Protein backbone atom coordinates (compact mmCIF):
# COMPACT_ATOMS: atom_id res chain seq x y z
CA MET A 1 -16.34 -5.13 -4.75
CA LEU A 2 -15.65 -3.30 -1.51
CA THR A 3 -18.93 -2.16 0.03
CA PRO A 4 -19.29 0.57 2.68
CA GLU A 5 -19.50 -2.18 5.31
CA THR A 6 -16.34 -3.91 4.13
CA LEU A 7 -14.53 -0.57 3.88
CA GLU A 8 -15.43 0.11 7.50
CA LYS A 9 -13.98 -3.30 8.45
CA LEU A 10 -10.90 -2.56 6.37
CA VAL A 11 -10.26 0.75 8.11
CA LYS A 12 -10.46 -1.06 11.48
CA GLU A 13 -8.00 -3.68 10.21
CA PHE A 14 -5.66 -0.95 8.92
CA LYS A 15 -5.80 0.84 12.27
CA ASP A 16 -4.97 -2.35 14.17
CA ILE A 17 -2.16 -3.34 11.80
CA VAL A 18 -0.61 0.16 11.81
CA ARG A 19 -0.62 0.34 15.61
CA THR A 20 0.50 -3.25 16.19
CA ASN A 21 3.42 -3.02 13.75
CA ASN A 22 4.50 0.55 14.57
CA LEU A 23 3.80 1.79 11.05
CA ASP A 24 3.13 5.37 9.97
CA GLY A 25 0.21 4.35 7.79
CA LEU A 26 -1.49 2.22 5.17
CA ILE A 27 -3.38 3.34 2.10
CA LEU A 28 -5.38 1.38 -0.45
CA ALA A 29 -5.94 3.04 -3.82
CA ASP A 30 -7.30 1.95 -7.15
CA VAL A 31 -4.87 1.60 -10.05
CA GLU A 32 -5.97 5.00 -11.35
CA GLY A 33 -4.73 6.62 -8.14
CA LEU A 34 -8.02 7.28 -6.36
CA PRO A 35 -7.91 6.61 -2.61
CA ILE A 36 -10.18 3.80 -1.39
CA CYS A 37 -9.34 3.69 2.30
CA SER A 38 -6.47 4.55 4.63
CA TYR A 39 -5.28 4.91 8.17
CA PHE A 40 -2.37 7.15 9.22
CA GLN A 41 -0.81 7.77 12.64
CA GLU A 42 -0.32 11.43 11.66
CA ASP A 43 -2.05 13.71 9.17
CA MET A 44 -0.98 12.78 5.63
CA ASP A 45 -2.41 13.76 2.27
CA GLU A 46 -4.37 10.68 1.22
CA GLU A 47 -5.03 11.89 -2.33
CA THR A 48 -1.37 12.72 -3.00
CA LEU A 49 -0.15 9.39 -1.63
CA ALA A 50 -2.77 7.49 -3.67
CA SER A 51 -2.11 9.27 -6.96
CA ALA A 52 1.69 9.23 -6.48
CA GLY A 53 1.56 5.52 -5.70
CA ALA A 54 -0.32 4.70 -8.88
CA ALA A 55 2.00 6.89 -10.96
CA ILE A 56 5.16 5.48 -9.40
CA PHE A 57 3.92 1.91 -9.85
CA SER A 58 2.99 2.62 -13.48
CA ALA A 59 6.45 4.13 -14.13
CA GLY A 60 8.01 1.10 -12.47
CA LEU A 61 6.06 -1.26 -14.74
CA MET A 62 7.31 0.59 -17.84
CA THR A 63 10.89 0.54 -16.54
CA VAL A 64 10.75 -3.18 -15.80
CA SER A 65 9.29 -3.84 -19.25
CA ASP A 66 12.01 -1.75 -20.91
CA ALA A 67 14.62 -3.74 -18.99
CA LYS A 68 13.07 -6.96 -20.37
CA LYS A 69 12.04 -8.17 -16.92
CA ARG A 70 8.78 -9.88 -16.06
CA GLY A 71 6.27 -8.02 -13.90
CA LEU A 72 6.72 -5.80 -10.88
CA ASP A 73 6.04 -6.85 -7.33
CA GLN A 74 6.88 -3.73 -5.36
CA VAL A 75 8.30 -0.24 -5.57
CA VAL A 76 10.32 0.58 -2.46
CA LEU A 77 11.13 4.20 -1.66
CA HIS A 78 13.73 4.58 1.09
CA SER A 79 14.45 7.88 2.79
CA PRO A 80 16.39 8.76 5.95
CA ASP A 81 13.01 8.88 7.72
CA GLY A 82 11.72 5.48 6.60
CA TYR A 83 10.11 3.53 3.79
CA ILE A 84 7.17 3.88 1.48
CA ILE A 85 6.35 0.62 -0.28
CA TYR A 86 3.79 0.39 -3.07
CA THR A 87 2.50 -3.05 -4.05
CA GLN A 88 -0.12 -3.87 -6.65
CA ILE A 89 -2.21 -6.43 -4.79
CA SER A 90 -4.75 -7.12 -7.56
CA GLU A 91 -5.75 -5.85 -10.98
CA ASP A 92 -7.76 -3.16 -9.22
CA TYR A 93 -5.74 -2.07 -6.15
CA VAL A 94 -2.38 -0.66 -5.12
CA LEU A 95 -1.42 -0.82 -1.45
CA GLY A 96 0.87 1.78 0.09
CA LEU A 97 2.69 1.13 3.37
CA ILE A 98 4.48 3.99 5.14
CA SER A 99 6.93 3.08 7.91
CA PRO A 100 9.53 4.70 10.18
CA GLU A 101 13.26 4.40 9.57
CA ASP A 102 13.83 1.60 12.11
CA SER A 103 11.52 -0.83 10.28
CA LYS A 104 12.82 -4.13 8.94
CA LEU A 105 11.99 -4.88 5.31
CA GLY A 106 11.22 -8.53 6.02
CA ILE A 107 8.61 -7.58 8.60
CA LEU A 108 7.14 -4.96 6.25
CA ARG A 109 6.79 -7.59 3.50
CA MET A 110 4.96 -9.90 5.90
CA VAL A 111 2.60 -7.03 6.82
CA ILE A 112 1.98 -6.34 3.11
CA LYS A 113 1.10 -10.00 2.54
CA LYS A 114 -1.28 -9.98 5.52
CA VAL A 115 -3.01 -6.78 4.36
CA SER A 116 -3.21 -8.09 0.78
CA ASP A 117 -4.90 -11.27 2.00
CA ILE A 118 -7.39 -9.25 4.09
CA VAL A 119 -8.26 -6.99 1.13
CA ARG A 120 -8.71 -9.96 -1.23
CA GLU A 121 -10.95 -11.71 1.32
CA LEU A 122 -13.14 -8.63 1.84
CA ASP A 123 -13.27 -7.93 -1.90
CA ALA A 124 -14.41 -11.47 -2.80
């Protein structure tokens, strides 16, 4: 379980990762869509991003199931201004990554893996 101390560490990690990788932000939410922690370069609505992420991921799971496919790793939203990628990183958490348009998907996937590992380690 993420304690107040581990959440504080996680926010610091998010801040460092966002700045180092030129991201717009990171958000961790529970699978119900409640925000756990986040860091954004600019003001963004944490609650909307958290709830939308959970809803989008849930809809994606139903779509994948209807298509007779196994599981869902990520939901990638691509706009002219960049990417929003939602990834369920455990039974309890969905990670949202927001990036500018010049981001490379391979780099973003590496960042998601790194953040997922950090969250799992702090949640252990």
